[in-house]
C-alpha cells in the first residue's frame, strides 16, 4: 500500500467506523459516526473533510458518507488487523472481550502487515500443531495466574503432551 496516505489513528478510526456503518446500516451519516466514536456531531466535520481531501470518502455536508474504493481498501485492512489482534487477545491470551476490544483498537494502528501475517501463522500453528492445543493454552494461563510456580513443574505438562501425541498416532 505504498500509495496510501499516512493517516492518523483518529482518521483510521473514522474509516473503520464508516465501513462498519456501510456494512450494517448500508449508509454512514455524520450523526452515526459521531455516536459510534463518542463525539459531538460538529467534531466529525473536520475529519470528514480531511478524508475527502485524501480521496478516501465521498462527503457532502448533510448527506450520506461513502468510502471510495481506496478508502474501502484501507478501512478493510484496518478492520482486519483489529479482528486478528482481538482474536489473538481473546483466544490465545484469554483476555476478556472488553479488554481485548480496547487493546486491539490501540494496537491496530501500530502493527505492520508482516507482523500481522506472523501472528496469523502463529495462531494457525497453535490450532494445528500436535505439540500445542487447548492444554498448552491452559498451561500458559496457569503460568499467568501462578507466577511463583517453579519451571520444574513443566514435566507434568510435558508428560500430558506426550500422552496426547501418542493417542493421536495410528
N, C-alpha and C. Protein backbone atom coordinates (compact mmCIF):
# COMPACT_ATOMS: atom_id res chain seq x y z
N UNK A 1 0.84 -1.19 0.00
CA UNK A 1 0.00 0.00 0.00
C UNK A 1 0.88 1.24 0.00
N UNK A 2 1.84 1.25 -0.89
CA UNK A 2 2.79 2.36 -0.94
C UNK A 2 2.12 3.70 -1.24
N UNK A 3 1.10 3.68 -2.08
CA UNK A 3 0.47 4.94 -2.47
C UNK A 3 -0.60 5.42 -1.50
N UNK A 4 -0.81 4.68 -0.41
CA UNK A 4 -1.80 5.09 0.57
C UNK A 4 -1.27 6.25 1.40
N UNK A 5 -2.13 7.19 1.71
CA UNK A 5 -1.71 8.33 2.53
C UNK A 5 -1.43 7.90 3.96
N UNK A 6 -0.53 8.61 4.61
CA UNK A 6 -0.27 8.37 6.03
C UNK A 6 -1.44 8.97 6.81
N UNK A 7 -2.09 8.13 7.58
CA UNK A 7 -3.26 8.57 8.32
C UNK A 7 -2.99 8.52 9.82
N UNK A 8 -3.58 9.45 10.53
CA UNK A 8 -3.52 9.42 11.99
C UNK A 8 -4.39 8.28 12.49
N UNK A 9 -4.18 7.89 13.73
CA UNK A 9 -5.02 6.86 14.34
C UNK A 9 -6.48 7.28 14.29
N UNK A 10 -6.73 8.55 14.54
CA UNK A 10 -8.09 9.06 14.55
C UNK A 10 -8.75 8.89 13.18
N UNK A 11 -8.04 9.25 12.11
CA UNK A 11 -8.61 9.11 10.77
C UNK A 11 -8.82 7.64 10.41
N UNK A 12 -7.91 6.78 10.86
CA UNK A 12 -8.11 5.35 10.63
C UNK A 12 -9.38 4.87 11.34
N UNK A 13 -9.62 5.38 12.55
CA UNK A 13 -10.83 5.02 13.28
C UNK A 13 -12.08 5.45 12.52
N UNK A 14 -12.03 6.64 11.92
CA UNK A 14 -13.17 7.11 11.13
C UNK A 14 -13.43 6.16 9.97
N UNK A 15 -12.39 5.76 9.25
CA UNK A 15 -12.58 4.85 8.12
C UNK A 15 -13.18 3.53 8.59
N UNK A 16 -12.70 3.04 9.70
CA UNK A 16 -13.20 1.78 10.25
C UNK A 16 -14.69 1.89 10.60
N UNK A 17 -15.07 3.00 11.20
CA UNK A 17 -16.47 3.22 11.58
C UNK A 17 -17.35 3.38 10.34
N UNK A 18 -16.87 4.11 9.36
CA UNK A 18 -17.65 4.30 8.14
C UNK A 18 -17.88 2.95 7.45
N UNK A 19 -16.85 2.12 7.37
CA UNK A 19 -17.01 0.79 6.79
C UNK A 19 -18.05 -0.02 7.56
N UNK A 20 -17.95 0.01 8.88
CA UNK A 20 -18.91 -0.72 9.70
C UNK A 20 -20.34 -0.23 9.46
N UNK A 21 -20.52 1.08 9.39
CA UNK A 21 -21.86 1.63 9.16
C UNK A 21 -22.37 1.26 7.77
N UNK A 22 -21.51 1.30 6.77
CA UNK A 22 -21.93 0.91 5.42
C UNK A 22 -22.36 -0.56 5.40
N UNK A 23 -21.66 -1.40 6.15
CA UNK A 23 -21.98 -2.82 6.17
C UNK A 23 -23.21 -3.14 7.00
N UNK A 24 -23.44 -2.39 8.08
CA UNK A 24 -24.56 -2.70 8.96
C UNK A 24 -25.82 -1.90 8.65
N UNK A 25 -25.65 -0.64 8.26
CA UNK A 25 -26.82 0.23 8.01
C UNK A 25 -26.95 0.64 6.54
N UNK A 26 -26.03 0.17 5.71
CA UNK A 26 -25.99 0.49 4.27
C UNK A 26 -25.48 1.90 3.98
N UNK A 27 -25.59 2.81 4.93
CA UNK A 27 -25.10 4.18 4.73
C UNK A 27 -24.46 4.69 6.02
N UNK A 28 -23.59 5.66 5.85
CA UNK A 28 -22.98 6.30 7.01
C UNK A 28 -23.41 7.77 7.01
N UNK A 29 -23.81 8.24 8.17
CA UNK A 29 -24.15 9.66 8.34
C UNK A 29 -23.24 10.20 9.43
N UNK A 30 -22.98 11.49 9.38
CA UNK A 30 -22.07 12.08 10.37
C UNK A 30 -22.61 11.88 11.80
N UNK A 31 -23.91 11.90 11.97
CA UNK A 31 -24.50 11.67 13.29
C UNK A 31 -24.14 10.27 13.81
N UNK A 32 -24.26 9.27 12.94
CA UNK A 32 -23.95 7.89 13.34
C UNK A 32 -22.45 7.72 13.63
N UNK A 33 -21.63 8.38 12.84
CA UNK A 33 -20.18 8.33 13.05
C UNK A 33 -19.85 8.94 14.41
N UNK A 34 -20.43 10.10 14.69
CA UNK A 34 -20.20 10.76 15.97
C UNK A 34 -20.64 9.87 17.13
N UNK A 35 -21.82 9.26 16.99
CA UNK A 35 -22.33 8.38 18.04
C UNK A 35 -21.38 7.20 18.30
N UNK A 36 -20.93 6.56 17.23
CA UNK A 36 -20.05 5.39 17.38
C UNK A 36 -18.70 5.75 17.98
N UNK A 37 -18.22 6.95 17.66
CA UNK A 37 -16.92 7.38 18.18
C UNK A 37 -17.03 8.12 19.51
N UNK A 38 -18.27 8.36 19.94
CA UNK A 38 -18.48 9.06 21.21
C UNK A 38 -18.10 10.53 21.14
N UNK A 39 -18.38 11.15 20.00
CA UNK A 39 -18.02 12.55 19.78
C UNK A 39 -19.27 13.39 19.53
N UNK A 40 -19.11 14.71 19.61
CA UNK A 40 -20.19 15.62 19.22
C UNK A 40 -20.25 15.65 17.70
N UNK A 41 -21.45 15.85 17.16
CA UNK A 41 -21.62 15.88 15.71
C UNK A 41 -20.67 16.85 15.01
N UNK A 42 -20.55 18.04 15.57
CA UNK A 42 -19.70 19.05 14.94
C UNK A 42 -18.23 18.67 14.92
N UNK A 43 -17.84 17.77 15.79
CA UNK A 43 -16.43 17.37 15.86
C UNK A 43 -15.98 16.51 14.69
N UNK A 44 -16.92 15.88 14.02
CA UNK A 44 -16.52 14.97 12.94
C UNK A 44 -16.29 15.68 11.61
N UNK A 45 -16.81 16.88 11.47
CA UNK A 45 -16.73 17.59 10.19
C UNK A 45 -15.30 17.75 9.68
N UNK A 46 -14.40 18.19 10.53
CA UNK A 46 -13.00 18.39 10.12
C UNK A 46 -12.36 17.10 9.63
N UNK A 47 -12.61 16.02 10.35
CA UNK A 47 -12.04 14.73 9.96
C UNK A 47 -12.62 14.26 8.63
N UNK A 48 -13.92 14.46 8.44
CA UNK A 48 -14.54 14.05 7.18
C UNK A 48 -13.99 14.86 6.01
N UNK A 49 -13.79 16.14 6.21
CA UNK A 49 -13.20 16.98 5.16
C UNK A 49 -11.79 16.50 4.83
N UNK A 50 -11.03 16.15 5.84
CA UNK A 50 -9.66 15.66 5.64
C UNK A 50 -9.67 14.35 4.85
N UNK A 51 -10.57 13.45 5.21
CA UNK A 51 -10.67 12.17 4.49
C UNK A 51 -11.12 12.39 3.05
N UNK A 52 -11.98 13.38 2.84
CA UNK A 52 -12.41 13.67 1.46
C UNK A 52 -11.26 14.25 0.65
N UNK A 53 -10.49 15.13 1.26
CA UNK A 53 -9.32 15.71 0.56
C UNK A 53 -8.32 14.63 0.16
N UNK A 54 -8.23 13.58 0.96
CA UNK A 54 -7.31 12.47 0.66
C UNK A 54 -7.96 11.47 -0.30
N UNK A 55 -9.17 11.78 -0.74
CA UNK A 55 -9.94 10.95 -1.67
C UNK A 55 -10.22 9.55 -1.11
N UNK A 56 -10.53 9.52 0.19
CA UNK A 56 -10.84 8.26 0.84
C UNK A 56 -12.34 8.10 1.10
N UNK A 57 -13.07 9.22 1.08
CA UNK A 57 -14.52 9.17 1.23
C UNK A 57 -15.16 10.15 0.25
N UNK A 58 -16.43 9.91 -0.01
CA UNK A 58 -17.27 10.87 -0.72
C UNK A 58 -18.09 11.56 0.35
N UNK A 59 -17.96 12.87 0.42
CA UNK A 59 -18.59 13.61 1.51
C UNK A 59 -19.18 14.91 1.01
N UNK A 60 -20.41 15.10 1.35
CA UNK A 60 -21.11 16.37 1.17
C UNK A 60 -21.82 16.65 2.49
N UNK A 61 -21.70 17.87 3.02
CA UNK A 61 -22.41 18.16 4.27
C UNK A 61 -23.90 17.83 4.16
N UNK A 62 -24.45 17.27 5.23
CA UNK A 62 -25.86 16.91 5.35
C UNK A 62 -26.26 15.78 4.40
N UNK A 63 -25.30 15.03 3.92
CA UNK A 63 -25.59 13.91 3.03
C UNK A 63 -24.94 12.64 3.58
N UNK A 64 -25.14 11.55 2.90
CA UNK A 64 -24.51 10.30 3.30
C UNK A 64 -23.03 10.34 2.98
N UNK A 65 -22.27 9.58 3.75
CA UNK A 65 -20.83 9.47 3.53
C UNK A 65 -20.56 8.05 3.03
N UNK A 66 -19.78 7.95 1.98
CA UNK A 66 -19.41 6.64 1.45
C UNK A 66 -17.90 6.58 1.28
N UNK A 67 -17.38 5.39 1.37
CA UNK A 67 -15.96 5.17 1.15
C UNK A 67 -15.68 5.11 -0.34
N UNK A 68 -14.58 5.68 -0.76
CA UNK A 68 -14.12 5.48 -2.13
C UNK A 68 -13.51 4.08 -2.19
N UNK A 69 -13.15 3.63 -3.35
CA UNK A 69 -12.52 2.32 -3.49
C UNK A 69 -11.24 2.25 -2.65
N UNK A 70 -10.45 3.29 -2.73
CA UNK A 70 -9.20 3.37 -1.96
C UNK A 70 -9.49 3.41 -0.46
N UNK A 71 -10.49 4.19 -0.06
CA UNK A 71 -10.87 4.28 1.34
C UNK A 71 -11.38 2.95 1.87
N UNK A 72 -12.15 2.24 1.05
CA UNK A 72 -12.67 0.93 1.46
C UNK A 72 -11.53 -0.07 1.65
N UNK A 73 -10.55 -0.03 0.76
CA UNK A 73 -9.41 -0.94 0.86
C UNK A 73 -8.65 -0.69 2.16
N UNK A 74 -8.40 0.57 2.47
CA UNK A 74 -7.68 0.91 3.71
C UNK A 74 -8.52 0.53 4.93
N UNK A 75 -9.82 0.83 4.89
CA UNK A 75 -10.70 0.51 6.01
C UNK A 75 -10.76 -1.00 6.26
N UNK A 76 -10.79 -1.78 5.20
CA UNK A 76 -10.83 -3.24 5.35
C UNK A 76 -9.52 -3.76 5.95
N UNK A 77 -8.41 -3.15 5.58
CA UNK A 77 -7.12 -3.55 6.14
C UNK A 77 -7.08 -3.24 7.64
N UNK A 78 -7.53 -2.08 8.01
CA UNK A 78 -7.56 -1.68 9.43
C UNK A 78 -8.48 -2.63 10.22
N UNK A 79 -9.65 -2.90 9.68
CA UNK A 79 -10.62 -3.77 10.33
C UNK A 79 -10.05 -5.18 10.48
N UNK A 80 -9.38 -5.66 9.46
CA UNK A 80 -8.77 -7.00 9.51
C UNK A 80 -7.72 -7.06 10.61
N UNK A 81 -6.85 -6.05 10.68
CA UNK A 81 -5.83 -6.02 11.74
C UNK A 81 -6.50 -6.06 13.10
N UNK A 82 -7.55 -5.27 13.26
CA UNK A 82 -8.28 -5.21 14.53
C UNK A 82 -8.83 -6.59 14.89
N UNK A 83 -9.47 -7.24 13.93
CA UNK A 83 -10.09 -8.54 14.20
C UNK A 83 -9.05 -9.60 14.56
N UNK A 84 -7.93 -9.60 13.85
CA UNK A 84 -6.87 -10.58 14.12
C UNK A 84 -6.30 -10.36 15.51
N UNK A 85 -6.02 -9.11 15.84
CA UNK A 85 -5.47 -8.80 17.16
C UNK A 85 -6.44 -9.16 18.27
N UNK A 86 -7.70 -8.81 18.08
CA UNK A 86 -8.69 -9.11 19.11
C UNK A 86 -8.84 -10.62 19.29
N UNK A 87 -8.87 -11.35 18.19
CA UNK A 87 -8.99 -12.81 18.28
C UNK A 87 -7.80 -13.41 19.04
N UNK A 88 -6.61 -12.92 18.76
CA UNK A 88 -5.42 -13.39 19.47
C UNK A 88 -5.53 -13.09 20.97
N UNK A 89 -5.94 -11.88 21.28
CA UNK A 89 -6.04 -11.47 22.68
C UNK A 89 -7.08 -12.28 23.44
N UNK A 90 -8.19 -12.61 22.77
CA UNK A 90 -9.26 -13.37 23.43
C UNK A 90 -8.93 -14.86 23.47
N UNK A 91 -8.60 -15.44 22.31
CA UNK A 91 -8.46 -16.89 22.22
C UNK A 91 -7.13 -17.42 22.74
N UNK A 92 -6.06 -16.66 22.56
CA UNK A 92 -4.76 -17.16 22.99
C UNK A 92 -4.41 -16.60 24.37
N UNK A 93 -4.44 -15.30 24.53
CA UNK A 93 -4.08 -14.71 25.81
C UNK A 93 -5.21 -14.74 26.82
N UNK A 94 -6.43 -15.10 26.34
CA UNK A 94 -7.59 -15.27 27.20
C UNK A 94 -7.98 -13.99 27.95
N UNK A 95 -7.84 -12.84 27.29
CA UNK A 95 -8.31 -11.59 27.87
C UNK A 95 -9.82 -11.53 27.70
N UNK A 96 -10.49 -10.80 28.56
CA UNK A 96 -11.93 -10.65 28.42
C UNK A 96 -12.23 -9.80 27.18
N UNK A 97 -13.43 -9.95 26.65
CA UNK A 97 -13.83 -9.28 25.40
C UNK A 97 -13.60 -7.77 25.43
N UNK A 98 -14.00 -7.13 26.50
CA UNK A 98 -13.89 -5.68 26.60
C UNK A 98 -12.44 -5.22 26.58
N UNK A 99 -11.60 -5.87 27.35
CA UNK A 99 -10.18 -5.52 27.38
C UNK A 99 -9.55 -5.79 26.02
N UNK A 100 -9.89 -6.92 25.44
CA UNK A 100 -9.34 -7.27 24.12
C UNK A 100 -9.76 -6.26 23.07
N UNK A 101 -11.01 -5.82 23.10
CA UNK A 101 -11.51 -4.83 22.14
C UNK A 101 -10.74 -3.52 22.26
N UNK A 102 -10.60 -3.03 23.47
CA UNK A 102 -9.90 -1.76 23.71
C UNK A 102 -8.43 -1.86 23.31
N UNK A 103 -7.80 -2.96 23.69
CA UNK A 103 -6.38 -3.14 23.39
C UNK A 103 -6.16 -3.31 21.90
N UNK A 104 -6.99 -4.09 21.24
CA UNK A 104 -6.85 -4.30 19.79
C UNK A 104 -7.02 -2.98 19.05
N UNK A 105 -7.92 -2.14 19.52
CA UNK A 105 -8.16 -0.84 18.89
C UNK A 105 -6.90 0.03 18.96
N UNK A 106 -6.18 -0.05 20.06
CA UNK A 106 -4.95 0.73 20.18
C UNK A 106 -3.82 0.11 19.36
N UNK A 107 -3.75 -1.21 19.37
CA UNK A 107 -2.66 -1.91 18.68
C UNK A 107 -2.78 -1.85 17.16
N UNK A 108 -4.00 -1.86 16.64
CA UNK A 108 -4.21 -1.97 15.20
C UNK A 108 -3.50 -0.86 14.42
N UNK A 109 -3.26 0.25 15.05
CA UNK A 109 -2.64 1.39 14.36
C UNK A 109 -1.12 1.26 14.27
N UNK A 110 -0.56 0.42 15.10
CA UNK A 110 0.90 0.33 15.18
C UNK A 110 1.48 -0.92 14.53
N UNK A 111 0.67 -1.93 14.33
CA UNK A 111 1.18 -3.21 13.84
C UNK A 111 1.24 -3.20 12.31
N UNK A 112 2.42 -3.56 11.79
CA UNK A 112 2.58 -3.61 10.34
C UNK A 112 2.06 -4.94 9.78
N UNK A 113 1.93 -5.01 8.47
CA UNK A 113 1.34 -6.17 7.82
C UNK A 113 2.16 -7.44 8.02
N UNK A 114 3.48 -7.35 7.99
CA UNK A 114 4.28 -8.57 8.17
C UNK A 114 4.10 -9.13 9.59
N UNK A 115 3.95 -8.27 10.57
CA UNK A 115 3.70 -8.73 11.94
C UNK A 115 2.34 -9.39 12.06
N UNK A 116 1.35 -8.82 11.39
CA UNK A 116 0.01 -9.42 11.39
C UNK A 116 0.06 -10.80 10.75
N UNK A 117 0.76 -10.92 9.63
CA UNK A 117 0.87 -12.22 8.97
C UNK A 117 1.56 -13.23 9.87
N UNK A 118 2.57 -12.82 10.59
CA UNK A 118 3.27 -13.70 11.51
C UNK A 118 2.34 -14.13 12.64
N UNK A 119 1.53 -13.21 13.13
CA UNK A 119 0.58 -13.52 14.19
C UNK A 119 -0.46 -14.53 13.70
N UNK A 120 -0.94 -14.35 12.47
CA UNK A 120 -1.90 -15.30 11.88
C UNK A 120 -1.28 -16.69 11.80
N UNK A 121 -0.04 -16.76 11.32
CA UNK A 121 0.64 -18.06 11.22
C UNK A 121 0.85 -18.69 12.60
N UNK A 122 1.13 -17.85 13.61
CA UNK A 122 1.31 -18.37 14.96
C UNK A 122 0.01 -18.99 15.48
N UNK A 123 -1.10 -18.31 15.29
CA UNK A 123 -2.39 -18.84 15.74
C UNK A 123 -2.72 -20.12 14.98
N UNK A 124 -2.46 -20.15 13.68
CA UNK A 124 -2.68 -21.38 12.91
C UNK A 124 -1.82 -22.52 13.46
N UNK A 125 -0.59 -22.20 13.79
CA UNK A 125 0.31 -23.18 14.38
C UNK A 125 -0.26 -23.71 15.70
N UNK A 126 -0.72 -22.81 16.55
CA UNK A 126 -1.30 -23.22 17.82
C UNK A 126 -2.50 -24.14 17.62
N UNK A 127 -3.29 -23.83 16.60
CA UNK A 127 -4.50 -24.61 16.36
C UNK A 127 -4.24 -25.95 15.69
N UNK A 128 -3.08 -26.11 15.04
CA UNK A 128 -2.86 -27.31 14.23
C UNK A 128 -1.69 -28.18 14.64
N UNK A 129 -0.71 -27.65 15.30
CA UNK A 129 0.47 -28.43 15.67
C UNK A 129 0.11 -29.41 16.79
N UNK A 130 0.49 -30.68 16.64
CA UNK A 130 0.17 -31.64 17.70
C UNK A 130 0.89 -31.37 19.02
N UNK A 131 1.92 -30.54 18.99
CA UNK A 131 2.63 -30.22 20.23
C UNK A 131 1.94 -29.12 21.02
N UNK A 132 0.93 -28.49 20.42
CA UNK A 132 0.19 -27.43 21.11
C UNK A 132 -1.25 -27.89 21.28
N UNK A 133 -2.12 -27.01 21.61
CA UNK A 133 -3.52 -27.37 21.76
C UNK A 133 -4.10 -26.72 23.00
N UNK A 134 -5.33 -27.09 23.32
CA UNK A 134 -6.02 -26.46 24.46
C UNK A 134 -5.25 -26.58 25.77
N UNK A 135 -4.61 -27.74 26.00
CA UNK A 135 -3.89 -27.88 27.27
C UNK A 135 -2.65 -26.99 27.29
N UNK A 136 -2.10 -26.69 26.13
CA UNK A 136 -0.95 -25.80 26.04
C UNK A 136 -1.35 -24.39 26.49
N UNK A 137 -2.51 -23.93 26.00
CA UNK A 137 -3.01 -22.61 26.39
C UNK A 137 -3.40 -22.62 27.87
N UNK A 138 -4.01 -23.71 28.32
CA UNK A 138 -4.35 -23.81 29.74
C UNK A 138 -3.10 -23.74 30.62
N UNK A 139 -2.02 -24.39 30.18
CA UNK A 139 -0.77 -24.34 30.94
C UNK A 139 -0.23 -22.92 30.97
N UNK A 140 -0.36 -22.21 29.85
CA UNK A 140 0.07 -20.81 29.81
C UNK A 140 -0.75 -19.97 30.79
N UNK A 141 -2.06 -20.16 30.79
CA UNK A 141 -2.91 -19.41 31.71
C UNK A 141 -2.58 -19.74 33.16
N UNK A 142 -2.31 -21.00 33.42
CA UNK A 142 -1.91 -21.40 34.77
C UNK A 142 -0.64 -20.68 35.16
N UNK A 143 0.29 -20.57 34.23
CA UNK A 143 1.54 -19.86 34.48
C UNK A 143 1.26 -18.38 34.77
N UNK A 144 0.33 -17.78 34.04
CA UNK A 144 -0.02 -16.37 34.27
C UNK A 144 -0.58 -16.15 35.67
N UNK A 145 -1.37 -17.10 36.13
CA UNK A 145 -2.02 -16.95 37.44
C UNK A 145 -1.13 -17.39 38.59
N UNK A 146 -0.13 -18.18 38.29
CA UNK A 146 0.75 -18.70 39.34
C UNK A 146 2.20 -18.35 39.00
N UNK A 147 2.50 -17.07 39.05
CA UNK A 147 3.83 -16.62 38.61
C UNK A 147 4.96 -17.15 39.49
N UNK A 148 4.64 -17.63 40.66
CA UNK A 148 5.68 -18.15 41.56
C UNK A 148 5.89 -19.65 41.39
N UNK A 149 5.15 -20.23 40.46
CA UNK A 149 5.26 -21.66 40.22
C UNK A 149 6.64 -21.97 39.62
N UNK A 150 7.18 -23.08 40.00
CA UNK A 150 8.51 -23.47 39.54
C UNK A 150 8.45 -24.03 38.11
N UNK A 151 9.45 -23.71 37.34
CA UNK A 151 9.53 -24.25 35.97
C UNK A 151 9.75 -25.76 36.01
N UNK A 152 10.16 -26.28 37.14
CA UNK A 152 10.35 -27.73 37.27
C UNK A 152 9.01 -28.45 37.12
N UNK A 153 7.91 -27.75 37.38
CA UNK A 153 6.58 -28.35 37.25
C UNK A 153 6.22 -28.60 35.79
N UNK A 154 7.05 -28.16 34.88
CA UNK A 154 6.78 -28.34 33.44
C UNK A 154 6.76 -29.81 33.05
N UNK A 155 7.40 -30.65 33.81
CA UNK A 155 7.45 -32.07 33.47
C UNK A 155 6.05 -32.67 33.40
N UNK A 156 5.14 -32.25 34.27
CA UNK A 156 3.77 -32.75 34.23
C UNK A 156 3.11 -32.37 32.90
N UNK A 157 3.32 -31.15 32.49
CA UNK A 157 2.75 -30.68 31.23
C UNK A 157 3.35 -31.46 30.05
N UNK A 158 4.64 -31.68 30.10
CA UNK A 158 5.31 -32.42 29.03
C UNK A 158 4.77 -33.84 28.96
N UNK A 159 4.56 -34.46 30.09
CA UNK A 159 4.01 -35.81 30.12
C UNK A 159 2.61 -35.84 29.50
N UNK A 160 1.77 -34.85 29.82
CA UNK A 160 0.42 -34.78 29.23
C UNK A 160 0.51 -34.61 27.72
N UNK A 161 1.43 -33.77 27.29
CA UNK A 161 1.61 -33.52 25.86
C UNK A 161 2.06 -34.80 25.14
N UNK A 162 3.01 -35.52 25.74
CA UNK A 162 3.48 -36.78 25.16
C UNK A 162 2.33 -37.77 25.06
N UNK A 163 1.55 -37.84 26.12
CA UNK A 163 0.42 -38.77 26.15
C UNK A 163 -0.58 -38.43 25.04
N UNK A 164 -0.90 -37.17 24.90
CA UNK A 164 -1.84 -36.74 23.86
C UNK A 164 -1.30 -37.07 22.48
N UNK A 165 -0.01 -36.85 22.29
CA UNK A 165 0.61 -37.10 20.99
C UNK A 165 0.59 -38.61 20.68
N UNK A 166 0.82 -39.43 21.69
CA UNK A 166 0.80 -40.89 21.49
C UNK A 166 -0.60 -41.35 21.13
N UNK A 167 -1.62 -40.73 21.72
CA UNK A 167 -3.01 -41.10 21.42
C UNK A 167 -3.37 -40.79 19.99
N UNK A 168 -2.75 -39.80 19.39
CA UNK A 168 -3.07 -39.40 18.02
C UNK A 168 -2.43 -40.32 16.98
N UNK A 169 -1.41 -41.05 17.39
CA UNK A 169 -0.72 -41.95 16.45
C UNK A 169 -1.62 -43.10 16.09
N UNK A 170 -1.56 -43.55 14.81
CA UNK A 170 -2.40 -44.69 14.39
C UNK A 170 -1.93 -46.00 14.99
